[in-house]
Protein backbone atom coordinates (compact mmCIF):
# COMPACT_ATOMS: atom_id res chain seq x y z
CA UNK A 1 0.00 0.00 0.00
CA UNK A 2 1.34 3.40 -0.91
CA UNK A 3 0.84 6.17 1.74
CA UNK A 4 1.34 9.07 -0.65
CA UNK A 5 -2.16 8.55 -1.99
CA UNK A 6 -4.43 11.05 -0.11
CA UNK A 7 -7.39 8.66 -0.13
CA UNK A 8 -5.42 6.03 1.76
CA UNK A 9 -3.48 8.41 4.05
CA UNK A 10 -5.87 7.77 6.93
CA UNK A 11 -4.95 4.09 7.06
CA UNK A 12 -1.22 4.75 6.90
CA UNK A 13 -1.04 7.56 9.41
CA UNK A 14 -1.11 7.42 13.21
CA UNK A 15 -3.95 8.42 15.46
CA UNK A 16 -6.16 11.39 14.68
CA UNK A 17 -6.25 14.39 16.98
CA UNK A 18 -9.73 13.45 18.19
CA UNK A 19 -8.58 9.96 19.14
CA UNK A 20 -5.66 11.43 21.10
CA UNK A 21 -7.93 13.86 22.97
CA UNK A 22 -10.32 11.05 23.90
CA UNK A 23 -7.43 8.83 25.09
CA UNK A 24 -5.98 11.64 27.23
CA UNK A 25 -9.41 12.40 28.72
CA UNK A 26 -9.86 8.73 29.68
CA UNK A 27 -6.37 8.68 31.19
CA UNK A 28 -7.11 11.86 33.18
CA UNK A 29 -10.32 10.37 34.60
CA UNK A 30 -8.53 7.18 35.61
CA UNK A 31 -5.71 9.12 37.29
CA UNK A 32 -8.21 11.34 39.15
CA UNK A 33 -10.03 8.27 40.50
CA UNK A 34 -6.73 6.71 41.57
CA UNK A 35 -5.63 9.93 43.30
CA UNK A 36 -8.94 10.17 45.14
CA UNK A 37 -8.73 6.54 46.30
CA UNK A 38 -5.17 7.03 47.57
CA UNK A 39 -6.20 10.20 49.44
CA UNK A 40 -9.11 8.39 51.09
CA UNK A 41 -6.86 5.56 52.19
CA UNK A 42 -4.42 8.05 53.72
CA UNK A 43 -7.24 9.75 55.64
CA UNK A 44 -8.46 6.37 56.94
CA UNK A 45 -4.98 5.42 58.16
CA UNK A 46 -4.60 8.76 59.95
CA UNK A 47 -8.05 8.37 61.54
CA UNK A 48 -7.24 4.81 62.69
CA UNK A 49 -3.94 5.96 64.21
CA UNK A 50 -5.73 8.66 66.22
CA UNK A 51 -8.34 6.18 67.42
CA UNK A 52 -5.64 3.69 68.48
CA UNK A 53 -3.77 6.44 70.34
CA UNK A 54 -6.98 7.52 72.10
CA UNK A 55 -7.71 3.96 73.23
CA UNK A 56 -4.14 3.43 74.46
CA UNK A 57 -4.20 6.75 76.34
CA UNK A 58 -7.47 5.74 78.03
CA UNK A 59 -6.05 2.31 78.94
CA UNK A 60 -2.90 3.83 80.41
CA UNK A 61 -4.94 6.30 82.48
CA UNK A 62 -7.04 3.40 83.75
CA UNK A 63 -3.87 1.49 84.67
CA UNK A 64 -2.40 4.58 86.41
CA UNK A 65 -5.52 4.77 88.57
CA UNK A 66 -5.88 1.08 89.42
CA UNK A 67 -5.97 2.06 93.10
CA UNK A 68 -7.59 5.28 94.25
CA UNK A 69 -7.72 7.14 97.56
CA UNK A 70 -10.96 7.01 99.61
CA UNK A 71 -11.90 10.49 98.42
CA UNK A 72 -11.70 9.36 94.81
CA UNK A 73 -10.03 10.95 91.82
CA UNK A 74 -11.19 13.77 89.59
CA UNK A 75 -8.59 14.81 87.04
CA UNK A 76 -8.47 16.12 83.51
CA UNK A 77 -5.89 17.33 81.05
CA UNK A 78 -4.79 17.59 77.45
CA UNK A 79 -1.89 16.04 75.57
CA UNK A 80 0.39 17.92 73.20
CA UNK A 81 -1.42 16.22 70.30
CA UNK A 82 -4.80 17.69 71.27
CA UNK A 83 -6.27 14.66 73.06
CA UNK A 84 -8.45 15.80 75.98
CA UNK A 85 -8.69 13.27 78.81
CA UNK A 86 -10.58 12.97 82.09
CA UNK A 87 -10.61 10.51 84.99
CA UNK A 88 -13.54 10.43 87.41
CA UNK A 89 -14.12 7.98 90.26
CA UNK A 90 -16.82 7.53 92.86
CA UNK A 91 -17.16 5.01 95.69
CA UNK A 92 -19.32 1.97 95.01
CA UNK A 93 -22.26 1.69 97.43
CA UNK A 94 -21.46 -1.40 99.51
CA UNK A 95 -24.15 -0.93 102.18
CA UNK A 96 -25.52 -4.47 101.70
CA UNK A 97 -22.10 -6.08 101.56
CA UNK A 98 -19.50 -7.22 104.08
CA UNK A 99 -16.85 -5.37 102.06
CA UNK A 100 -15.64 -2.18 103.73
CA UNK A 101 -17.16 1.05 102.41
CA UNK A 102 -14.72 2.90 100.10
CA UNK A 103 -12.75 -0.20 99.14
CA UNK A 104 -14.20 -0.23 95.61
CA UNK A 105 -14.59 2.71 93.24
CA UNK A 106 -16.31 3.01 89.90
CA UNK A 107 -13.93 4.69 87.45
CA UNK A 108 -14.70 6.36 84.17
CA UNK A 109 -11.89 7.37 81.83
CA UNK A 110 -12.73 9.45 78.78
CA UNK A 111 -10.52 10.61 75.93
CA UNK A 112 -11.74 12.85 73.12
CA UNK A 113 -10.10 14.40 70.07
CA UNK A 114 -10.94 16.17 66.82
CA UNK A 115 -10.61 14.11 63.65
CA UNK A 116 -11.11 16.34 60.64
CA UNK A 117 -14.38 18.15 61.30
CA UNK A 118 -15.76 15.55 63.74
CA UNK A 119 -15.19 15.05 67.45
CA UNK A 120 -14.35 11.47 68.44
CA UNK A 121 -14.33 9.95 71.94
CA UNK A 122 -13.49 6.77 73.82
CA UNK A 123 -14.90 6.04 77.28
CA UNK A 124 -13.76 3.18 79.51
CA UNK A 125 -15.69 2.16 82.65
CA UNK A 126 -14.41 -0.19 85.32
CA UNK A 127 -14.23 -0.86 89.04
CA UNK A 128 -10.93 -0.37 90.88
CA UNK A 129 -9.69 -0.88 94.41
CA UNK A 130 -9.50 1.93 96.92
CA UNK A 131 -6.79 2.25 99.53
CA UNK A 132 -6.68 3.71 103.03
CA UNK A 133 -4.62 6.82 103.69
């Protein structure tokens, strides 16, 4: 086949400009979808890391207050990373028990933080031992 003939030039040549524009548009859409998926995965990882840190902070505060004074504990604070925490205890009513009053305390540990535009929180409840002064 001879490509100098203008009637057959279309078969011999490469892609037309319209075909190139369509191919580039399809490529751009695919890259945009891939970029958006990668960005969403990154946000999910960051959110999961914050949640894991909040849970571990709450667990460590619970462990730090495994024994409380008879008057209980009421404390709050904030970490450098913006996690707001609180520890609150109150004596368990043991009036119908042979266990000494004040020897058990209900403890609530809460940790909250901002994740994007939403506020997240973790709350742990337990019972811990009290100790005499």
